[in-house]
């Protein structure tokens, strides 16, 4: 199996304070919830629409 690296860039708003904790190994882990939204105009009604999606983000070690 091939190992690769995926890179994702999310721009949004943090929903609450990040939760930081230490693993038994001493490494740091940070959990947070990030909201991203998209906006568009409905072609049939002409109304402005918005949809928000929530993402759970977990960062380890150096990224934490």
N, C-alpha and C. Protein backbone atom coordinates (compact mmCIF):
# COMPACT_ATOMS: atom_id res chain seq x y z
N UNK A 1 0.84 -1.17 0.00
CA UNK A 1 0.00 0.00 0.00
C UNK A 1 0.89 1.24 0.00
N UNK A 2 0.55 2.18 -0.80
CA UNK A 2 1.29 3.43 -0.91
C UNK A 2 0.88 4.39 0.20
N UNK A 3 1.84 5.07 0.78
CA UNK A 3 1.55 6.08 1.80
C UNK A 3 1.73 7.44 1.17
N UNK A 4 0.77 8.31 1.37
CA UNK A 4 0.84 9.64 0.81
C UNK A 4 0.45 10.67 1.84
N UNK A 5 0.56 11.91 1.45
CA UNK A 5 0.19 13.02 2.31
C UNK A 5 -0.91 13.80 1.62
N UNK A 6 -1.98 14.06 2.33
CA UNK A 6 -3.05 14.89 1.82
C UNK A 6 -2.99 16.23 2.52
N UNK A 7 -3.19 17.30 1.77
CA UNK A 7 -3.18 18.63 2.34
C UNK A 7 -4.54 19.26 2.08
N UNK A 8 -5.15 19.77 3.14
CA UNK A 8 -6.46 20.40 3.04
C UNK A 8 -6.37 21.78 3.67
N UNK A 9 -6.95 22.76 3.01
CA UNK A 9 -7.01 24.11 3.57
C UNK A 9 -8.48 24.43 3.80
N UNK A 10 -8.85 24.66 5.06
CA UNK A 10 -10.22 25.03 5.42
C UNK A 10 -10.21 26.45 5.95
N UNK A 11 -11.07 27.29 5.41
CA UNK A 11 -11.24 28.65 5.91
C UNK A 11 -12.63 28.74 6.50
N UNK A 12 -12.70 29.10 7.77
CA UNK A 12 -14.01 29.16 8.42
C UNK A 12 -13.91 29.78 9.79
N UNK A 13 -14.89 29.47 10.61
CA UNK A 13 -14.98 30.01 11.96
C UNK A 13 -14.94 28.88 12.97
N UNK A 14 -14.13 29.06 14.01
CA UNK A 14 -14.04 28.08 15.09
C UNK A 14 -15.29 28.22 15.95
N UNK A 15 -15.97 27.09 16.21
CA UNK A 15 -17.23 27.12 16.92
C UNK A 15 -17.11 27.26 18.43
N UNK A 16 -16.00 26.83 19.00
CA UNK A 16 -15.78 26.94 20.45
C UNK A 16 -14.29 26.89 20.70
N UNK A 17 -13.90 27.13 21.94
CA UNK A 17 -12.47 27.11 22.26
C UNK A 17 -11.88 25.73 21.96
N UNK A 18 -10.71 25.68 21.34
CA UNK A 18 -10.06 24.39 21.09
C UNK A 18 -9.76 23.66 22.40
N UNK A 19 -9.86 22.33 22.37
CA UNK A 19 -9.57 21.50 23.52
C UNK A 19 -8.17 20.91 23.36
N UNK A 20 -7.28 21.22 24.31
CA UNK A 20 -5.90 20.75 24.25
C UNK A 20 -5.69 19.70 25.34
N UNK A 21 -5.00 18.61 24.96
CA UNK A 21 -4.68 17.59 25.96
C UNK A 21 -3.35 16.95 25.61
N UNK A 22 -2.77 16.29 26.59
CA UNK A 22 -1.49 15.60 26.39
C UNK A 22 -1.74 14.10 26.34
N UNK A 23 -1.09 13.44 25.40
CA UNK A 23 -1.16 11.98 25.29
C UNK A 23 -0.22 11.38 26.34
N UNK A 24 -0.39 10.09 26.68
CA UNK A 24 0.53 9.45 27.63
C UNK A 24 2.00 9.55 27.18
N UNK A 25 2.21 9.64 25.88
CA UNK A 25 3.58 9.76 25.36
C UNK A 25 4.16 11.16 25.57
N UNK A 26 3.30 12.10 26.00
CA UNK A 26 3.75 13.48 26.19
C UNK A 26 3.45 14.39 25.01
N UNK A 27 3.01 13.82 23.89
CA UNK A 27 2.69 14.63 22.71
C UNK A 27 1.35 15.33 22.91
N UNK A 28 1.20 16.47 22.28
CA UNK A 28 0.00 17.29 22.42
C UNK A 28 -1.00 16.98 21.31
N UNK A 29 -2.30 17.00 21.68
CA UNK A 29 -3.39 16.83 20.72
C UNK A 29 -4.37 17.98 20.93
N UNK A 30 -4.81 18.60 19.84
CA UNK A 30 -5.81 19.67 19.91
C UNK A 30 -7.00 19.26 19.06
N UNK A 31 -8.20 19.37 19.64
CA UNK A 31 -9.46 19.11 18.92
C UNK A 31 -10.22 20.42 18.80
N UNK A 32 -10.82 20.66 17.63
CA UNK A 32 -11.67 21.83 17.46
C UNK A 32 -12.73 21.56 16.42
N UNK A 33 -13.78 22.38 16.44
CA UNK A 33 -14.85 22.31 15.45
C UNK A 33 -14.79 23.58 14.62
N UNK A 34 -14.82 23.41 13.29
CA UNK A 34 -14.70 24.52 12.36
C UNK A 34 -15.91 24.54 11.44
N UNK A 35 -16.54 25.70 11.32
CA UNK A 35 -17.70 25.87 10.44
C UNK A 35 -17.26 26.52 9.14
N UNK A 36 -17.62 25.90 8.02
CA UNK A 36 -17.40 26.50 6.71
C UNK A 36 -18.77 26.71 6.07
N UNK A 37 -18.92 27.81 5.35
CA UNK A 37 -20.21 28.14 4.74
C UNK A 37 -20.04 28.42 3.26
N UNK A 38 -21.09 28.12 2.51
CA UNK A 38 -21.11 28.51 1.11
C UNK A 38 -22.41 29.26 0.85
N UNK A 39 -22.35 30.20 -0.06
CA UNK A 39 -23.52 31.02 -0.40
C UNK A 39 -23.75 30.94 -1.90
N UNK A 40 -25.02 30.97 -2.29
CA UNK A 40 -25.36 30.95 -3.71
C UNK A 40 -26.75 31.55 -3.89
N UNK A 41 -27.07 31.85 -5.14
CA UNK A 41 -28.39 32.37 -5.48
C UNK A 41 -29.17 31.23 -6.15
N UNK A 42 -30.36 30.94 -5.62
CA UNK A 42 -31.22 29.91 -6.19
C UNK A 42 -31.68 30.35 -7.58
N UNK A 43 -31.43 29.52 -8.58
CA UNK A 43 -31.75 29.89 -9.97
C UNK A 43 -33.25 30.01 -10.21
N UNK A 44 -34.05 29.23 -9.50
CA UNK A 44 -35.49 29.26 -9.73
C UNK A 44 -36.18 30.40 -9.01
N UNK A 45 -35.78 30.66 -7.75
CA UNK A 45 -36.47 31.68 -6.96
C UNK A 45 -35.73 33.00 -6.88
N UNK A 46 -34.43 32.99 -7.19
CA UNK A 46 -33.63 34.21 -7.07
C UNK A 46 -33.22 34.51 -5.64
N UNK A 47 -33.59 33.64 -4.70
CA UNK A 47 -33.24 33.84 -3.29
C UNK A 47 -31.77 33.56 -3.04
N UNK A 48 -31.20 34.30 -2.10
CA UNK A 48 -29.84 34.00 -1.63
C UNK A 48 -29.95 32.85 -0.64
N UNK A 49 -29.10 31.85 -0.80
CA UNK A 49 -29.09 30.68 0.07
C UNK A 49 -27.73 30.56 0.73
N UNK A 50 -27.71 29.89 1.88
CA UNK A 50 -26.45 29.63 2.58
C UNK A 50 -26.53 28.27 3.25
N UNK A 51 -25.44 27.53 3.20
CA UNK A 51 -25.34 26.23 3.87
C UNK A 51 -24.05 26.21 4.67
N UNK A 52 -24.15 25.74 5.91
CA UNK A 52 -22.98 25.64 6.78
C UNK A 52 -22.68 24.17 7.05
N UNK A 53 -21.41 23.84 6.99
CA UNK A 53 -20.97 22.48 7.27
C UNK A 53 -19.95 22.53 8.41
N UNK A 54 -20.09 21.63 9.38
CA UNK A 54 -19.19 21.58 10.53
C UNK A 54 -18.16 20.47 10.33
N UNK A 55 -16.90 20.79 10.64
CA UNK A 55 -15.79 19.85 10.50
C UNK A 55 -15.14 19.64 11.86
N UNK A 56 -14.83 18.40 12.18
CA UNK A 56 -14.04 18.09 13.37
C UNK A 56 -12.58 18.03 12.94
N UNK A 57 -11.75 18.84 13.58
CA UNK A 57 -10.33 18.92 13.23
C UNK A 57 -9.51 18.43 14.42
N UNK A 58 -8.58 17.51 14.16
CA UNK A 58 -7.69 16.99 15.19
C UNK A 58 -6.27 17.24 14.73
N UNK A 59 -5.49 17.91 15.59
CA UNK A 59 -4.09 18.22 15.27
C UNK A 59 -3.19 17.55 16.29
N UNK A 60 -2.10 16.97 15.81
CA UNK A 60 -1.18 16.24 16.66
C UNK A 60 0.19 16.90 16.67
N UNK A 61 0.87 16.74 17.80
CA UNK A 61 2.29 17.05 17.94
C UNK A 61 2.64 18.46 17.47
N UNK A 62 3.44 18.59 16.42
CA UNK A 62 3.92 19.91 15.98
C UNK A 62 2.79 20.80 15.48
N UNK A 63 1.74 20.23 14.89
CA UNK A 63 0.62 21.04 14.39
C UNK A 63 -0.28 21.52 15.51
N UNK A 64 -0.20 20.87 16.66
CA UNK A 64 -1.02 21.26 17.80
C UNK A 64 -0.37 22.44 18.44
